[in-house]
Amino acid sequence: MVEDIERVYVVPLRKAKNAPRTKRAKIAIAHIRRFMARHMRTKEGNIWIDEGVNKLIWKNGIQHIPSHVKLRAHKFHEDEVVEISVPEE
């Protein structure tokens, strides 16, 4: 039987800082979705991003996104859905 996978990643968002200033947060969320799909080996449509991640990206507004974020990815093997959340420390 295949078990669920849980990993912690540091996602770099430097390329999203080169985007137009009114689109940086939106592009950062899309970059997180692509990064996690690639590293968790699933489709981008199977990525579910928690509200806490969204608040972390938007904390300083649309223009001032963080350079990198630490995120927890939990992949459920029954339906290949990956849940992205902020790790508790």
Protein backbone atom coordinates (compact mmCIF):
# COMPACT_ATOMS: atom_id res chain seq x y z
CA MET A 1 0.00 0.00 0.00
CA VAL A 2 1.27 3.45 -0.91
CA GLU A 3 1.34 5.99 1.89
CA ASP A 4 0.82 9.73 1.86
CA ILE A 5 3.89 11.94 1.38
CA GLU A 6 4.63 15.00 3.52
CA ARG A 7 7.58 17.31 2.81
CA VAL A 8 8.79 20.80 3.67
CA TYR A 9 10.13 22.99 0.86
CA VAL A 10 11.69 26.45 0.68
CA VAL A 11 10.19 28.00 -2.45
CA PRO A 12 12.25 30.82 -4.03
CA LEU A 13 10.15 33.73 -5.28
CA ARG A 14 12.92 35.92 -6.74
CA LYS A 15 11.60 35.64 -10.30
CA ALA A 16 8.18 36.86 -9.17
CA LYS A 17 9.84 40.08 -7.95
CA ASN A 18 10.71 40.89 -11.59
CA ALA A 19 7.00 41.00 -12.47
CA PRO A 20 5.07 44.26 -12.75
CA ARG A 21 4.45 45.60 -9.26
CA THR A 22 0.68 45.27 -9.46
CA LYS A 23 0.87 41.57 -10.32
CA ARG A 24 3.63 40.26 -8.02
CA ALA A 25 1.48 38.49 -5.42
CA LYS A 26 -0.67 36.79 -8.05
CA ILE A 27 2.42 35.62 -9.98
CA ALA A 28 4.01 34.40 -6.72
CA ILE A 29 0.99 32.18 -6.03
CA ALA A 30 1.16 30.80 -9.58
CA HIS A 31 4.90 30.15 -9.14
CA ILE A 32 4.24 28.24 -5.90
CA ARG A 33 1.63 26.13 -7.72
CA ARG A 34 4.07 25.30 -10.56
CA PHE A 35 6.94 24.58 -8.13
CA MET A 36 4.86 22.18 -6.03
CA ALA A 37 3.39 20.42 -9.07
CA ARG A 38 6.90 19.80 -10.38
CA HIS A 39 8.37 18.63 -7.07
CA MET A 40 5.39 16.54 -5.93
CA ARG A 41 4.90 15.01 -9.42
CA THR A 42 1.29 15.92 -10.03
CA LYS A 43 -0.75 18.29 -12.21
CA GLU A 44 -1.15 21.97 -11.36
CA GLY A 45 -4.90 21.43 -11.11
CA ASN A 46 -4.37 19.01 -8.19
CA ILE A 47 -2.66 21.63 -6.00
CA TRP A 48 -4.74 23.06 -3.14
CA ILE A 49 -3.22 26.16 -1.48
CA ASP A 50 -4.26 26.91 2.09
CA GLU A 51 -5.51 30.34 3.11
CA GLY A 52 -2.48 30.75 5.42
CA VAL A 53 -0.12 30.62 2.43
CA ASN A 54 -2.16 33.29 0.66
CA LYS A 55 -2.01 35.51 3.76
CA LEU A 56 1.75 34.96 4.01
CA ILE A 57 2.27 36.13 0.41
CA TRP A 58 -0.09 39.11 0.74
CA LYS A 59 1.11 40.12 4.24
CA ASN A 60 3.06 43.17 2.97
CA GLY A 61 0.74 43.94 0.06
CA ILE A 62 0.70 43.12 -3.62
CA GLN A 63 4.06 44.77 -4.37
CA HIS A 64 6.28 43.53 -1.52
CA ILE A 65 6.26 39.75 -1.62
CA PRO A 66 8.81 37.70 0.37
CA SER A 67 11.97 36.50 -1.42
CA HIS A 68 11.32 32.90 -0.38
CA VAL A 69 8.77 31.01 1.71
CA LYS A 70 8.90 27.79 3.69
CA LEU A 71 5.89 25.58 2.90
CA ARG A 72 4.62 22.13 3.85
CA ALA A 73 3.28 19.87 1.09
CA HIS A 74 1.08 16.88 1.88
CA LYS A 75 0.21 14.56 -1.01
CA PHE A 76 -2.78 12.27 -0.66
CA HIS A 77 -2.31 9.19 -2.86
CA GLU A 78 -5.99 8.29 -3.19
CA ASP A 79 -6.77 11.23 -5.47
CA GLU A 80 -3.27 12.73 -6.12
CA VAL A 81 -4.26 16.02 -4.45
CA VAL A 82 -1.46 18.03 -2.84
CA GLU A 83 -2.31 20.36 0.06
CA ILE A 84 0.08 23.29 0.57
CA SER A 85 0.19 24.99 3.97
CA VAL A 86 2.50 26.95 6.25
CA PRO A 87 4.45 24.59 8.57
CA GLU A 88 3.94 24.95 12.30
CA GLU A 89 7.21 25.69 14.04
